[in-house]
Amino acid sequence: MPAAKRGTIMERFRATLRLPEFQVLLFCFCCVLFGWPLLLIVDQKHNETIFIYLFMVWGLIVLGLFLIARSLDLTDSDEIKHGNINV
């Protein structure tokens, strides 16, 4: 994949992460992942399965929050570079 094409995909991904609507959707999705009915579906005989499930979901949520914070930080540093900051 050409470098120019890769840059546009990353910019669209960063723009999506910055959208408040996407962040609300992500929050609702995370609430569903940790919801009580979904935890009841997991086999109750094996506690390690529930532990692994919760740990993996928690890790994905932390990764998502990191990516959102990183995309917002890049926006702030771009504004500072170009002198578009209003204090």
Protein backbone atom coordinates (compact mmCIF):
# COMPACT_ATOMS: atom_id res chain seq x y z
CA MET A 1 0.00 0.00 0.00
CA PRO A 2 1.45 3.40 -0.94
CA ALA A 3 2.47 5.73 1.87
CA ALA A 4 0.12 8.50 0.66
CA LYS A 5 -2.86 6.14 0.76
CA ARG A 6 -1.89 4.96 4.24
CA GLY A 7 -1.76 8.55 5.49
CA THR A 8 -5.28 9.29 4.36
CA ILE A 9 -6.63 6.18 6.05
CA MET A 10 -4.92 7.14 9.31
CA GLU A 11 -6.27 10.68 9.07
CA ARG A 12 -9.80 9.36 8.60
CA PHE A 13 -9.28 7.03 11.57
CA ARG A 14 -8.07 9.92 13.74
CA ALA A 15 -10.98 12.08 12.60
CA THR A 16 -13.41 9.30 13.55
CA LEU A 17 -11.85 8.98 17.00
CA ARG A 18 -12.28 12.72 17.56
CA LEU A 19 -16.05 12.67 16.88
CA PRO A 20 -18.13 13.00 20.08
CA GLU A 21 -20.80 10.76 18.52
CA PHE A 22 -18.28 7.97 18.05
CA GLN A 23 -17.11 8.33 21.63
CA VAL A 24 -20.69 8.06 22.93
CA LEU A 25 -21.25 5.01 20.74
CA LEU A 26 -18.05 3.47 22.07
CA PHE A 27 -19.18 4.14 25.66
CA CYS A 28 -22.53 2.44 25.03
CA PHE A 29 -20.79 -0.52 23.39
CA CYS A 30 -18.48 -0.88 26.41
CA CYS A 31 -21.48 -0.81 28.76
CA VAL A 32 -23.02 -3.65 26.78
CA LEU A 33 -19.77 -5.63 26.96
CA PHE A 34 -19.74 -5.35 30.74
CA GLY A 35 -23.52 -5.79 31.05
CA TRP A 36 -24.92 -8.36 33.43
CA PRO A 37 -26.87 -10.40 30.83
CA LEU A 38 -23.76 -10.87 28.73
CA LEU A 39 -21.79 -12.04 31.74
CA LEU A 40 -24.49 -14.63 32.48
CA ILE A 41 -24.03 -16.11 29.01
CA VAL A 42 -20.42 -16.96 29.79
CA ASP A 43 -20.07 -20.48 31.18
CA GLN A 44 -20.56 -20.26 34.95
CA LYS A 45 -18.64 -23.46 35.68
CA HIS A 46 -15.34 -21.98 34.59
CA ASN A 47 -14.43 -18.85 36.54
CA GLU A 48 -11.20 -18.45 34.58
CA THR A 49 -13.25 -17.92 31.41
CA ILE A 50 -15.05 -14.97 32.99
CA PHE A 51 -11.73 -13.59 34.25
CA ILE A 52 -10.12 -13.85 30.79
CA TYR A 53 -13.19 -12.27 29.15
CA LEU A 54 -13.23 -9.31 31.55
CA PHE A 55 -9.47 -8.82 31.30
CA MET A 56 -9.54 -8.85 27.48
CA VAL A 57 -12.49 -6.41 27.31
CA TRP A 58 -10.82 -4.12 29.84
CA GLY A 59 -7.60 -4.18 27.79
CA LEU A 60 -9.46 -3.29 24.59
CA ILE A 61 -11.21 -0.40 26.33
CA VAL A 62 -7.89 0.94 27.64
CA LEU A 63 -6.42 0.66 24.13
CA GLY A 64 -9.41 2.54 22.69
CA LEU A 65 -9.08 5.30 25.28
CA PHE A 66 -5.37 5.57 24.51
CA LEU A 67 -6.07 5.96 20.79
CA ILE A 68 -8.73 8.61 21.44
CA ALA A 69 -6.41 10.55 23.76
CA ARG A 70 -3.58 10.26 21.26
CA SER A 71 -5.73 11.59 18.41
CA LEU A 72 -6.91 14.52 20.55
CA ASP A 73 -3.33 15.24 21.62
CA LEU A 74 -2.21 15.33 17.97
CA THR A 75 -4.97 17.82 17.22
CA ASP A 76 -3.82 20.09 20.06
CA SER A 77 -0.17 19.94 19.03
CA ASP A 78 -1.10 20.70 15.38
CA GLU A 79 -3.00 23.79 16.51
CA ILE A 80 -0.05 24.95 18.61
CA LYS A 81 2.35 24.49 15.67
CA HIS A 82 0.17 26.54 13.35
CA GLY A 83 -0.56 29.26 15.91
CA ASN A 84 -4.31 28.59 16.00
CA ILE A 85 -4.51 28.39 19.77
CA ASN A 86 -6.83 30.79 21.59
CA VAL A 87 -6.15 31.21 25.28
